[in-house]
Amino acid sequence: MTGEYDLAGVLVAPMLVWALLAFVICLGIYRVLGAVGAYRFVWHRSLFNTALYVLVLGTIAAAVS
């Protein structure tokens, strides 16, 4: 599916919708990782979170297209 999404009359590119969806999913994953204490094993938390976001976004893009 490569068409645009209609949000209240505004056409939005699919990449923007996927990016927002990946951001929301990553927020949940960040909370779980923080609660479990998995960040103790991560060298650089921001780089890890960015890589995780890219992975989630890529997974969504591959699944949808």
PDB file of N, CA and C in Angstrom:
ATOM      1  N   MET A   1       0.839  -1.160   0.000  1.00  0.00           N
ATOM      2  CA  MET A   1       0.000   0.000   0.000  1.00  0.00           C
ATOM      3  C   MET A   1       0.897   1.239   0.000  1.00  0.00           C
ATOM      4  N   THR A   2       0.787   2.044  -1.051  1.00  0.00           N
ATOM      5  CA  THR A   2       1.630   3.219  -1.160  1.00  0.00           C
ATOM      6  C   THR A   2       0.821   4.505  -1.223  1.00  0.00           C
ATOM      7  N   GLY A   3      -0.476   4.444  -1.059  1.00  0.00           N
ATOM      8  CA  GLY A   3      -1.296   5.644  -1.140  1.00  0.00           C
ATOM      9  C   GLY A   3      -1.166   6.515   0.083  1.00  0.00           C
ATOM     10  N   GLU A   4      -1.738   7.683  -0.010  1.00  0.00           N
ATOM     11  CA  GLU A   4      -1.680   8.616   1.103  1.00  0.00           C
ATOM     12  C   GLU A   4      -2.841   8.370   2.054  1.00  0.00           C
ATOM     13  N   TYR A   5      -2.630   8.727   3.305  1.00  0.00           N
ATOM     14  CA  TYR A   5      -3.670   8.580   4.315  1.00  0.00           C
ATOM     15  C   TYR A   5      -4.428   9.896   4.443  1.00  0.00           C
ATOM     16  N   ASP A   6      -5.735   9.779   4.612  1.00  0.00           N
ATOM     17  CA  ASP A   6      -6.589  10.948   4.765  1.00  0.00           C
ATOM     18  C   ASP A   6      -6.912  11.126   6.250  1.00  0.00           C
ATOM     19  N   LEU A   7      -6.314  12.153   6.855  1.00  0.00           N
ATOM     20  CA  LEU A   7      -6.571  12.453   8.262  1.00  0.00           C
ATOM     21  C   LEU A   7      -7.338  13.766   8.345  1.00  0.00           C
ATOM     22  N   ALA A   8      -8.628  13.677   8.524  1.00  0.00           N
ATOM     23  CA  ALA A   8      -9.505  14.848   8.629  1.00  0.00           C
ATOM     24  C   ALA A   8      -9.354  15.771   7.429  1.00  0.00           C
ATOM     25  N   GLY A   9      -9.258  15.207   6.247  1.00  0.00           N
ATOM     26  CA  GLY A   9      -9.155  15.993   5.033  1.00  0.00           C
ATOM     27  C   GLY A   9      -7.751  16.361   4.636  1.00  0.00           C
ATOM     28  N   VAL A  10      -6.786  16.001   5.448  1.00  0.00           N
ATOM     29  CA  VAL A  10      -5.388  16.300   5.140  1.00  0.00           C
ATOM     30  C   VAL A  10      -4.709  15.019   4.682  1.00  0.00           C
ATOM     31  N   LEU A  11      -4.138  15.066   3.492  1.00  0.00           N
ATOM     32  CA  LEU A  11      -3.442  13.900   2.981  1.00  0.00           C
ATOM     33  C   LEU A  11      -2.041  13.840   3.580  1.00  0.00           C
ATOM     34  N   VAL A  12      -1.731  12.692   4.142  1.00  0.00           N
ATOM     35  CA  VAL A  12      -0.466  12.524   4.845  1.00  0.00           C
ATOM     36  C   VAL A  12       0.299  11.389   4.182  1.00  0.00           C
ATOM     37  N   ALA A  13       1.591  11.597   4.011  1.00  0.00           N
ATOM     38  CA  ALA A  13       2.437  10.563   3.415  1.00  0.00           C
ATOM     39  C   ALA A  13       2.497   9.346   4.340  1.00  0.00           C
ATOM     40  N   PRO A  14       2.532   8.167   3.759  1.00  0.00           N
ATOM     41  CA  PRO A  14       2.572   6.957   4.590  1.00  0.00           C
ATOM     42  C   PRO A  14       3.792   6.896   5.505  1.00  0.00           C
ATOM     43  N   MET A  15       4.904   7.432   5.058  1.00  0.00           N
ATOM     44  CA  MET A  15       6.118   7.384   5.889  1.00  0.00           C
ATOM     45  C   MET A  15       5.923   8.131   7.195  1.00  0.00           C
ATOM     46  N   LEU A  16       5.194   9.242   7.158  1.00  0.00           N
ATOM     47  CA  LEU A  16       4.934  10.009   8.375  1.00  0.00           C
ATOM     48  C   LEU A  16       4.067   9.203   9.345  1.00  0.00           C
ATOM     49  N   VAL A  17       3.066   8.533   8.818  1.00  0.00           N
ATOM     50  CA  VAL A  17       2.196   7.706   9.665  1.00  0.00           C
ATOM     51  C   VAL A  17       3.001   6.555  10.257  1.00  0.00           C
ATOM     52  N   TRP A  18       3.832   5.946   9.454  1.00  0.00           N
ATOM     53  CA  TRP A  18       4.653   4.833   9.955  1.00  0.00           C
ATOM     54  C   TRP A  18       5.635   5.330  11.010  1.00  0.00           C
ATOM     55  N   ALA A  19       6.201   6.503  10.801  1.00  0.00           N
ATOM     56  CA  ALA A  19       7.150   7.042  11.773  1.00  0.00           C
ATOM     57  C   ALA A  19       6.472   7.324  13.110  1.00  0.00           C
ATOM     58  N   LEU A  20       5.267   7.871  13.060  1.00  0.00           N
ATOM     59  CA  LEU A  20       4.537   8.125  14.302  1.00  0.00           C
ATOM     60  C   LEU A  20       4.163   6.827  14.999  1.00  0.00           C
ATOM     61  N   LEU A  21       3.750   5.836  14.223  1.00  0.00           N
ATOM     62  CA  LEU A  21       3.419   4.536  14.802  1.00  0.00           C
ATOM     63  C   LEU A  21       4.652   3.893  15.428  1.00  0.00           C
ATOM     64  N   ALA A  22       5.783   3.987  14.757  1.00  0.00           N
ATOM     65  CA  ALA A  22       7.029   3.432  15.313  1.00  0.00           C
ATOM     66  C   ALA A  22       7.429   4.162  16.581  1.00  0.00           C
ATOM     67  N   PHE A  23       7.207   5.463  16.624  1.00  0.00           N
ATOM     68  CA  PHE A  23       7.534   6.241  17.819  1.00  0.00           C
ATOM     69  C   PHE A  23       6.692   5.788  19.009  1.00  0.00           C
ATOM     70  N   VAL A  24       5.412   5.587  18.783  1.00  0.00           N
ATOM     71  CA  VAL A  24       4.523   5.142  19.876  1.00  0.00           C
ATOM     72  C   VAL A  24       4.917   3.743  20.349  1.00  0.00           C
ATOM     73  N   ILE A  25       5.208   2.871  19.415  1.00  0.00           N
ATOM     74  CA  ILE A  25       5.631   1.518  19.792  1.00  0.00           C
ATOM     75  C   ILE A  25       6.941   1.570  20.584  1.00  0.00           C
ATOM     76  N   CYS A  26       7.861   2.408  20.144  1.00  0.00           N
ATOM     77  CA  CYS A  26       9.152   2.518  20.835  1.00  0.00           C
ATOM     78  C   CYS A  26       9.003   3.095  22.230  1.00  0.00           C
ATOM     79  N   LEU A  27       8.059   3.999  22.425  1.00  0.00           N
ATOM     80  CA  LEU A  27       7.840   4.518  23.775  1.00  0.00           C
ATOM     81  C   LEU A  27       7.483   3.395  24.732  1.00  0.00           C
ATOM     82  N   GLY A  28       6.649   2.477  24.290  1.00  0.00           N
ATOM     83  CA  GLY A  28       6.301   1.322  25.118  1.00  0.00           C
ATOM     84  C   GLY A  28       7.493   0.413  25.369  1.00  0.00           C
ATOM     85  N   ILE A  29       8.278   0.212  24.325  1.00  0.00           N
ATOM     86  CA  ILE A  29       9.460  -0.651  24.477  1.00  0.00           C
ATOM     87  C   ILE A  29      10.467  -0.003  25.430  1.00  0.00           C
ATOM     88  N   TYR A  30      10.637   1.319  25.339  1.00  0.00           N
ATOM     89  CA  TYR A  30      11.573   2.013  26.229  1.00  0.00           C
ATOM     90  C   TYR A  30      11.142   1.867  27.687  1.00  0.00           C
ATOM     91  N   ARG A  31       9.854   1.973  27.919  1.00  0.00           N
ATOM     92  CA  ARG A  31       9.359   1.823  29.297  1.00  0.00           C
ATOM     93  C   ARG A  31       9.614   0.419  29.825  1.00  0.00           C
ATOM     94  N   VAL A  32       9.361  -0.567  28.997  1.00  0.00           N
ATOM     95  CA  VAL A  32       9.581  -1.953  29.420  1.00  0.00           C
ATOM     96  C   VAL A  32      11.061  -2.191  29.684  1.00  0.00           C
ATOM     97  N   LEU A  33      11.919  -1.715  28.795  1.00  0.00           N
ATOM     98  CA  LEU A  33      13.364  -1.906  28.980  1.00  0.00           C
ATOM     99  C   LEU A  33      13.861  -1.185  30.226  1.00  0.00           C
ATOM    100  N   GLY A  34      13.303  -0.012  30.496  1.00  0.00           N
ATOM    101  CA  GLY A  34      13.691   0.719  31.698  1.00  0.00           C
ATOM    102  C   GLY A  34      13.216   0.032  32.965  1.00  0.00           C
ATOM    103  N   ALA A  35      12.005  -0.511  32.928  1.00  0.00           N
ATOM    104  CA  ALA A  35      11.457  -1.185  34.103  1.00  0.00           C
ATOM    105  C   ALA A  35      12.199  -2.477  34.393  1.00  0.00           C
ATOM    106  N   VAL A  36      12.607  -3.173  33.359  1.00  0.00           N
ATOM    107  CA  VAL A  36      13.306  -4.454  33.530  1.00  0.00           C
ATOM    108  C   VAL A  36      14.764  -4.221  33.932  1.00  0.00           C
ATOM    109  N   GLY A  37      15.295  -3.063  33.569  1.00  0.00           N
ATOM    110  CA  GLY A  37      16.698  -2.765  33.878  1.00  0.00           C
ATOM    111  C   GLY A  37      17.646  -3.199  32.785  1.00  0.00           C
ATOM    112  N   ALA A  38      17.125  -3.330  31.585  1.00  0.00           N
ATOM    113  CA  ALA A  38      17.959  -3.776  30.460  1.00  0.00           C
ATOM    114  C   ALA A  38      18.967  -2.716  30.031  1.00  0.00           C
ATOM    115  N   TYR A  39      18.734  -1.465  30.395  1.00  0.00           N
ATOM    116  CA  TYR A  39      19.654  -0.406  29.996  1.00  0.00           C
ATOM    117  C   TYR A  39      20.992  -0.495  30.741  1.00  0.00           C
ATOM    118  N   ARG A  40      21.067  -1.323  31.774  1.00  0.00           N
ATOM    119  CA  ARG A  40      22.346  -1.518  32.460  1.00  0.00           C
ATOM    120  C   ARG A  40      23.369  -2.163  31.544  1.00  0.00           C
ATOM    121  N   PHE A  41      22.912  -2.907  30.555  1.00  0.00           N
ATOM    122  CA  PHE A  41      23.793  -3.635  29.647  1.00  0.00           C
ATOM    123  C   PHE A  41      24.065  -2.877  28.354  1.00  0.00           C
ATOM    124  N   VAL A  42      23.524  -1.668  28.247  1.00  0.00           N
ATOM    125  CA  VAL A  42      23.668  -0.870  27.031  1.00  0.00           C
ATOM    126  C   VAL A  42      24.744   0.179  27.268  1.00  0.00           C
ATOM    127  N   TRP A  43      25.669   0.300  26.313  1.00  0.00           N
ATOM    128  CA  TRP A  43      26.766   1.254  26.466  1.00  0.00           C
ATOM    129  C   TRP A  43      26.271   2.695  26.354  1.00  0.00           C
ATOM    130  N   HIS A  44      25.509   2.992  25.287  1.00  0.00           N
ATOM    131  CA  HIS A  44      25.040   4.352  25.039  1.00  0.00           C
ATOM    132  C   HIS A  44      23.535   4.289  24.800  1.00  0.00           C
ATOM    133  N   ARG A  45      22.803   4.755  25.788  1.00  0.00           N
ATOM    134  CA  ARG A  45      21.346   4.594  25.755  1.00  0.00           C
ATOM    135  C   ARG A  45      20.703   5.288  24.553  1.00  0.00           C
ATOM    136  N   SER A  46      21.152   6.480  24.208  1.00  0.00           N
ATOM    137  CA  SER A  46      20.542   7.209  23.097  1.00  0.00           C
ATOM    138  C   SER A  46      20.791   6.514  21.754  1.00  0.00           C
ATOM    139  N   LEU A  47      22.004   6.016  21.569  1.00  0.00           N
ATOM    140  CA  LEU A  47      22.288   5.287  20.324  1.00  0.00           C
ATOM    141  C   LEU A  47      21.462   4.007  20.242  1.00  0.00           C
ATOM    142  N   PHE A  48      21.331   3.334  21.374  1.00  0.00           N
ATOM    143  CA  PHE A  48      20.524   2.120  21.403  1.00  0.00           C
ATOM    144  C   PHE A  48      19.072   2.425  21.069  1.00  0.00           C
ATOM    145  N   ASN A  49      18.532   3.490  21.661  1.00  0.00           N
ATOM    146  CA  ASN A  49      17.137   3.848  21.391  1.00  0.00           C
ATOM    147  C   ASN A  49      16.933   4.250  19.932  1.00  0.00           C
ATOM    148  N   THR A  50      17.893   4.956  19.359  1.00  0.00           N
ATOM    149  CA  THR A  50      17.794   5.343  17.951  1.00  0.00           C
ATOM    150  C   THR A  50      17.825   4.112  17.049  1.00  0.00           C
ATOM    151  N   ALA A  51      18.721   3.189  17.337  1.00  0.00           N
ATOM    152  CA  ALA A  51      18.796   1.962  16.542  1.00  0.00           C
ATOM    153  C   ALA A  51      17.516   1.152  16.669  1.00  0.00           C
ATOM    154  N   LEU A  52      16.977   1.111  17.868  1.00  0.00           N
ATOM    155  CA  LEU A  52      15.719   0.382  18.078  1.00  0.00           C
ATOM    156  C   LEU A  52      14.580   1.027  17.295  1.00  0.00           C
ATOM    157  N   TYR A  53      14.550   2.352  17.266  1.00  0.00           N
ATOM    158  CA  TYR A  53      13.530   3.069  16.509  1.00  0.00           C
ATOM    159  C   TYR A  53      13.648   2.761  15.012  1.00  0.00           C
ATOM    160  N   VAL A  54      14.851   2.768  14.500  1.00  0.00           N
ATOM    161  CA  VAL A  54      15.051   2.469  13.076  1.00  0.00           C
ATOM    162  C   VAL A  54      14.625   1.044  12.762  1.00  0.00           C
ATOM    163  N   LEU A  55      14.920   0.125  13.663  1.00  0.00           N
ATOM    164  CA  LEU A  55      14.505  -1.262  13.449  1.00  0.00           C
ATOM    165  C   LEU A  55      12.980  -1.392  13.440  1.00  0.00           C
ATOM    166  N   VAL A  56      12.330  -0.732  14.371  1.00  0.00           N
ATOM    167  CA  VAL A  56      10.865  -0.804  14.428  1.00  0.00           C
ATOM    168  C   VAL A  56      10.266  -0.151  13.189  1.00  0.00           C
ATOM    169  N   LEU A  57      10.794   1.000  12.799  1.00  0.00           N
ATOM    170  CA  LEU A  57      10.290   1.685  11.602  1.00  0.00           C
ATOM    171  C   LEU A  57      10.513   0.837  10.352  1.00  0.00           C
ATOM    172  N   GLY A  58      11.657   0.224  10.235  1.00  0.00           N
ATOM    173  CA  GLY A  58      11.916  -0.648   9.089  1.00  0.00           C
ATOM    174  C   GLY A  58      11.013  -1.859   9.059  1.00  0.00           C
ATOM    175  N   THR A  59      10.733  -2.399  10.231  1.00  0.00           N
ATOM    176  CA  THR A  59       9.831  -3.549  10.303  1.00  0.00           C
ATOM    177  C   THR A  59       8.419  -3.161   9.871  1.00  0.00           C
ATOM    178  N   ILE A  60       7.968  -2.001  10.319  1.00  0.00           N
ATOM    179  CA  ILE A  60       6.633  -1.536   9.930  1.00  0.00           C
ATOM    180  C   ILE A  60       6.578  -1.281   8.427  1.00  0.00           C
ATOM    181  N   ALA A  61       7.588  -0.621   7.895  1.00  0.00           N
ATOM    182  CA  ALA A  61       7.605  -0.324   6.458  1.00  0.00           C
ATOM    183  C   ALA A  61       7.641  -1.598   5.626  1.00  0.00           C
ATOM    184  N   ALA A  62       8.404  -2.587   6.073  1.00  0.00           N
ATOM    185  CA  ALA A  62       8.477  -3.843   5.332  1.00  0.00           C
ATOM    186  C   ALA A  62       7.172  -4.621   5.437  1.00  0.00           C
ATOM    187  N   ALA A  63       6.531  -4.542   6.586  1.00  0.00           N
ATOM    188  CA  ALA A  63       5.281  -5.279   6.771  1.00  0.00           C
ATOM    189  C   ALA A  63       4.135  -4.675   5.975  1.00  0.00           C
ATOM    190  N   VAL A  64       4.121  -3.353   5.861  1.00  0.00           N
ATOM    191  CA  VAL A  64       3.016  -2.685   5.173  1.00  0.00           C
ATOM    192  C   VAL A  64       3.186  -2.726   3.663  1.00  0.00           C
ATOM    193  N   SER A  65       4.392  -2.567   3.180  1.00  0.00           N
ATOM    194  CA  SER A  65       4.594  -2.511   1.721  1.00  0.00           C
ATOM    195  C   SER A  65       4.877  -3.864   1.140  1.00  0.00           C
TER     196      SER A  65
END
